[in-house]
Amino acid sequence: MIEGELGPAALRSVQYVEVDDTGKIHGQGTCQPEVAGLYSPIDENNMLVWFVDQLELSTDFDKFYYDGTEVLLRIVAPVQVSKATITADDVDEAVITGIPASATVELDGAPIDGLEGDTITITSPMPATYRVRVECWPFLPFEVEIVAQ
């Protein structure tokens, strides 16, 4: 290598993520360290720009979030189901617990309003399949089918 040409120091780059105020990642990029100081904490798209350690971040940003300190992998909400198959007798029940307080819960695509506590109970008088979806950022959505037979 010729003295003064590009060397390891010139090849270094700084990685950043663009996030909204919830920590949802909308983009990522790299720039040279000397340019990093020129970035505003809020870019032209009204996204916060955070510089992060080098990481392997796929373009599927929905799998990750930024907690204000580091980029983390999202996990499924800590929801549990007592059983996925019930007897269609309007007595047997599937109990879904651990629903986070700020979660939105859907039953067959329709929101369940006025959920109190962290539990819902499903019974059915006839054979049917019920699809339950629980969403609560930054968790990945939780989905389950309850089959009444």
C-alpha atoms as a PDB file:
ATOM      1  CA  MET A   1       0.000   0.000   0.000  1.00  0.00           C
ATOM      2  CA  ILE A   2       1.235   3.464  -0.838  1.00  0.00           C
ATOM      3  CA  GLU A   3       1.607   5.799   2.115  1.00  0.00           C
ATOM      4  CA  GLY A   4      -1.425   8.074   2.442  1.00  0.00           C
ATOM      5  CA  GLU A   5      -3.764   5.845   0.432  1.00  0.00           C
ATOM      6  CA  LEU A   6      -6.872   4.289   1.904  1.00  0.00           C
ATOM      7  CA  GLY A   7      -5.959   2.120   4.848  1.00  0.00           C
ATOM      8  CA  PRO A   8      -7.944   0.377   7.605  1.00  0.00           C
ATOM      9  CA  ALA A   9      -8.742   3.681   9.333  1.00  0.00           C
ATOM     10  CA  ALA A  10     -10.335   5.077   6.193  1.00  0.00           C
ATOM     11  CA  LEU A  11     -12.488   1.978   5.757  1.00  0.00           C
ATOM     12  CA  ARG A  12     -14.118   2.230   9.180  1.00  0.00           C
ATOM     13  CA  SER A  13     -17.728   3.276   9.215  1.00  0.00           C
ATOM     14  CA  VAL A  14     -20.353   4.112  11.786  1.00  0.00           C
ATOM     15  CA  GLN A  15     -23.719   2.376  11.679  1.00  0.00           C
ATOM     16  CA  TYR A  16     -26.964   4.139  12.494  1.00  0.00           C
ATOM     17  CA  VAL A  17     -30.665   3.317  12.677  1.00  0.00           C
ATOM     18  CA  GLU A  18     -33.624   5.602  12.064  1.00  0.00           C
ATOM     19  CA  VAL A  19     -36.360   5.036  14.629  1.00  0.00           C
ATOM     20  CA  ASP A  20     -39.666   6.616  15.576  1.00  0.00           C
ATOM     21  CA  ASP A  21     -40.538   7.611  19.129  1.00  0.00           C
ATOM     22  CA  THR A  22     -41.697   4.053  19.963  1.00  0.00           C
ATOM     23  CA  GLY A  23     -38.364   2.474  19.022  1.00  0.00           C
ATOM     24  CA  LYS A  24     -39.651   1.039  15.741  1.00  0.00           C
ATOM     25  CA  ILE A  25     -36.819   0.890  13.215  1.00  0.00           C
ATOM     26  CA  HIS A  26     -37.594   2.379   9.810  1.00  0.00           C
ATOM     27  CA  GLY A  27     -34.138   2.372   8.249  1.00  0.00           C
ATOM     28  CA  GLN A  28     -30.442   1.866   8.740  1.00  0.00           C
ATOM     29  CA  GLY A  29     -27.236   2.987   7.144  1.00  0.00           C
ATOM     30  CA  THR A  30     -23.560   3.633   7.573  1.00  0.00           C
ATOM     31  CA  CYS A  31     -21.402   6.693   7.236  1.00  0.00           C
ATOM     32  CA  GLN A  32     -17.825   7.710   7.865  1.00  0.00           C
ATOM     33  CA  PRO A  33     -17.035   8.657  11.490  1.00  0.00           C
ATOM     34  CA  GLU A  34     -16.183  12.253  10.585  1.00  0.00           C
ATOM     35  CA  VAL A  35     -19.638  12.685   9.007  1.00  0.00           C
ATOM     36  CA  ALA A  36     -21.530  11.164  11.938  1.00  0.00           C
ATOM     37  CA  GLY A  37     -21.173  14.333  13.989  1.00  0.00           C
ATOM     38  CA  LEU A  38     -22.989  16.286  11.284  1.00  0.00           C
ATOM     39  CA  TYR A  39     -26.188  14.259  11.623  1.00  0.00           C
ATOM     40  CA  SER A  40     -29.061  15.852  13.472  1.00  0.00           C
ATOM     41  CA  PRO A  41     -30.750  13.648  16.066  1.00  0.00           C
ATOM     42  CA  ILE A  42     -33.926  14.077  13.977  1.00  0.00           C
ATOM     43  CA  ASP A  43     -33.692  13.598  10.221  1.00  0.00           C
ATOM     44  CA  GLU A  44     -35.797  15.076   7.404  1.00  0.00           C
ATOM     45  CA  ASN A  45     -38.402  12.315   7.812  1.00  0.00           C
ATOM     46  CA  ASN A  46     -38.917  13.227  11.489  1.00  0.00           C
ATOM     47  CA  MET A  47     -37.135  10.034  12.555  1.00  0.00           C
ATOM     48  CA  LEU A  48     -34.655   9.902  15.394  1.00  0.00           C
ATOM     49  CA  VAL A  49     -31.163   8.904  14.274  1.00  0.00           C
ATOM     50  CA  TRP A  50     -29.170   6.774  16.717  1.00  0.00           C
ATOM     51  CA  PHE A  51     -25.645   5.565  16.218  1.00  0.00           C
ATOM     52  CA  VAL A  52     -25.213   1.964  17.230  1.00  0.00           C
ATOM     53  CA  ASP A  53     -22.498  -0.644  17.503  1.00  0.00           C
ATOM     54  CA  GLN A  54     -21.949  -2.782  14.442  1.00  0.00           C
ATOM     55  CA  LEU A  55     -24.738  -5.295  14.110  1.00  0.00           C
ATOM     56  CA  GLU A  56     -26.209  -7.717  11.650  1.00  0.00           C
ATOM     57  CA  LEU A  57     -29.579  -6.132  10.976  1.00  0.00           C
ATOM     58  CA  SER A  58     -31.616  -7.587   8.158  1.00  0.00           C
ATOM     59  CA  THR A  59     -33.893  -5.388   6.093  1.00  0.00           C
ATOM     60  CA  ASP A  60     -36.809  -6.975   7.983  1.00  0.00           C
ATOM     61  CA  PHE A  61     -36.879  -4.204  10.574  1.00  0.00           C
ATOM     62  CA  ASP A  62     -40.042  -5.594  12.189  1.00  0.00           C
ATOM     63  CA  LYS A  63     -37.920  -8.243  13.932  1.00  0.00           C
ATOM     64  CA  PHE A  64     -35.935  -5.606  15.870  1.00  0.00           C
ATOM     65  CA  TYR A  65     -36.495  -2.465  17.920  1.00  0.00           C
ATOM     66  CA  TYR A  66     -34.336   0.215  19.528  1.00  0.00           C
ATOM     67  CA  ASP A  67     -34.766   0.607  23.293  1.00  0.00           C
ATOM     68  CA  GLY A  68     -32.881   3.919  23.512  1.00  0.00           C
ATOM     69  CA  THR A  69     -29.568   2.191  24.170  1.00  0.00           C
ATOM     70  CA  GLU A  70     -29.266  -0.724  21.775  1.00  0.00           C
ATOM     71  CA  VAL A  71     -30.979  -2.608  18.987  1.00  0.00           C
ATOM     72  CA  LEU A  72     -32.756  -5.674  20.360  1.00  0.00           C
ATOM     73  CA  LEU A  73     -34.529  -8.653  18.858  1.00  0.00           C
ATOM     74  CA  ARG A  74     -38.293  -8.535  19.410  1.00  0.00           C
ATOM     75  CA  ILE A  75     -39.815 -11.552  21.145  1.00  0.00           C
ATOM     76  CA  VAL A  76     -43.389 -12.823  21.099  1.00  0.00           C
ATOM     77  CA  ALA A  77     -45.612 -11.351  23.798  1.00  0.00           C
ATOM     78  CA  PRO A  78     -45.511 -13.503  26.976  1.00  0.00           C
ATOM     79  CA  VAL A  79     -49.048 -14.791  26.492  1.00  0.00           C
ATOM     80  CA  GLN A  80     -50.070 -18.337  27.444  1.00  0.00           C
ATOM     81  CA  VAL A  81     -53.017 -20.506  26.420  1.00  0.00           C
ATOM     82  CA  SER A  82     -54.420 -23.255  28.615  1.00  0.00           C
ATOM     83  CA  LYS A  83     -55.436 -25.357  25.592  1.00  0.00           C
ATOM     84  CA  ALA A  84     -56.115 -24.935  21.884  1.00  0.00           C
ATOM     85  CA  THR A  85     -58.989 -27.434  21.621  1.00  0.00           C
ATOM     86  CA  ILE A  86     -62.180 -27.229  23.660  1.00  0.00           C
ATOM     87  CA  THR A  87     -65.443 -29.130  23.714  1.00  0.00           C
ATOM     88  CA  ALA A  88     -68.277 -27.224  22.013  1.00  0.00           C
ATOM     89  CA  ASP A  89     -70.586 -27.410  25.048  1.00  0.00           C
ATOM     90  CA  ASP A  90     -70.457 -23.767  26.260  1.00  0.00           C
ATOM     91  CA  VAL A  91     -68.765 -25.031  29.447  1.00  0.00           C
ATOM     92  CA  ASP A  92     -65.278 -26.166  28.461  1.00  0.00           C
ATOM     93  CA  GLU A  93     -62.961 -23.204  28.135  1.00  0.00           C
ATOM     94  CA  ALA A  94     -59.618 -22.038  26.812  1.00  0.00           C
ATOM     95  CA  VAL A  95     -58.014 -19.442  29.059  1.00  0.00           C
ATOM     96  CA  ILE A  96     -55.539 -16.974  27.575  1.00  0.00           C
ATOM     97  CA  THR A  97     -53.373 -15.249  30.211  1.00  0.00           C
ATOM     98  CA  GLY A  98     -50.442 -12.872  30.397  1.00  0.00           C
ATOM     99  CA  ILE A  99     -51.915 -10.271  28.061  1.00  0.00           C
ATOM    100  CA  PRO A 100     -49.912  -7.036  28.521  1.00  0.00           C
ATOM    101  CA  ALA A 101     -51.921  -4.083  29.852  1.00  0.00           C
ATOM    102  CA  SER A 102     -51.490  -1.921  26.745  1.00  0.00           C
ATOM    103  CA  ALA A 103     -52.192  -4.743  24.285  1.00  0.00           C
ATOM    104  CA  THR A 104     -54.815  -4.774  21.586  1.00  0.00           C
ATOM    105  CA  VAL A 105     -56.655  -8.083  21.344  1.00  0.00           C
ATOM    106  CA  GLU A 106     -58.608  -9.292  18.342  1.00  0.00           C
ATOM    107  CA  LEU A 107     -60.994 -12.219  18.102  1.00  0.00           C
ATOM    108  CA  ASP A 108     -61.523 -13.313  14.485  1.00  0.00           C
ATOM    109  CA  GLY A 109     -60.192  -9.937  13.310  1.00  0.00           C
ATOM    110  CA  ALA A 110     -62.517  -7.821  15.464  1.00  0.00           C
ATOM    111  CA  PRO A 111     -61.102  -5.866  18.411  1.00  0.00           C
ATOM    112  CA  ILE A 112     -62.126  -6.889  21.906  1.00  0.00           C
ATOM    113  CA  ASP A 113     -62.989  -3.642  23.673  1.00  0.00           C
ATOM    114  CA  GLY A 114     -63.010  -3.109  27.410  1.00  0.00           C
ATOM    115  CA  LEU A 115     -60.614  -5.926  28.262  1.00  0.00           C
ATOM    116  CA  GLU A 116     -60.079  -5.911  32.024  1.00  0.00           C
ATOM    117  CA  GLY A 117     -57.046  -7.631  33.447  1.00  0.00           C
ATOM    118  CA  ASP A 118     -54.649  -9.871  31.581  1.00  0.00           C
ATOM    119  CA  THR A 119     -56.976 -12.797  30.831  1.00  0.00           C
ATOM    120  CA  ILE A 120     -59.673 -13.757  28.354  1.00  0.00           C
ATOM    121  CA  THR A 121     -61.747 -16.931  28.411  1.00  0.00           C
ATOM    122  CA  ILE A 122     -63.209 -18.559  25.314  1.00  0.00           C
ATOM    123  CA  THR A 123     -66.148 -20.983  25.384  1.00  0.00           C
ATOM    124  CA  SER A 124     -68.371 -22.078  22.514  1.00  0.00           C
ATOM    125  CA  PRO A 125     -71.841 -23.659  22.292  1.00  0.00           C
ATOM    126  CA  MET A 126     -71.125 -25.017  18.797  1.00  0.00           C
ATOM    127  CA  PRO A 127     -68.184 -26.241  16.714  1.00  0.00           C
ATOM    128  CA  ALA A 128     -66.073 -23.321  15.534  1.00  0.00           C
ATOM    129  CA  THR A 129     -62.532 -22.040  15.151  1.00  0.00           C
ATOM    130  CA  TYR A 130     -61.578 -18.790  16.895  1.00  0.00           C
ATOM    131  CA  ARG A 131     -58.471 -16.818  15.953  1.00  0.00           C
ATOM    132  CA  VAL A 132     -56.994 -14.684  18.717  1.00  0.00           C
ATOM    133  CA  ARG A 133     -54.298 -12.076  18.060  1.00  0.00           C
ATOM    134  CA  VAL A 134     -52.534 -10.052  20.760  1.00  0.00           C
ATOM    135  CA  GLU A 135     -50.377  -7.055  19.814  1.00  0.00           C
ATOM    136  CA  CYS A 136     -48.290  -4.982  22.195  1.00  0.00           C
ATOM    137  CA  TRP A 137     -45.178  -3.070  21.099  1.00  0.00           C
ATOM    138  CA  PRO A 138     -42.294  -3.958  21.268  1.00  0.00           C
ATOM    139  CA  PHE A 139     -43.383  -7.600  21.379  1.00  0.00           C
ATOM    140  CA  LEU A 140     -44.061  -9.570  18.214  1.00  0.00           C
ATOM    141  CA  PRO A 141     -47.758 -10.369  17.802  1.00  0.00           C
ATOM    142  CA  PHE A 142     -49.048 -13.506  19.507  1.00  0.00           C
ATOM    143  CA  GLU A 143     -51.558 -15.564  17.539  1.00  0.00           C
ATOM    144  CA  VAL A 144     -53.462 -18.733  18.396  1.00  0.00           C
ATOM    145  CA  GLU A 145     -56.405 -20.680  17.059  1.00  0.00           C
ATOM    146  CA  ILE A 146     -58.891 -22.162  19.516  1.00  0.00           C
ATOM    147  CA  VAL A 147     -60.904 -24.999  18.021  1.00  0.00           C
ATOM    148  CA  ALA A 148     -64.245 -25.920  19.554  1.00  0.00           C
ATOM    149  CA  GLN A 149     -65.378 -29.397  18.481  1.00  0.00           C
END
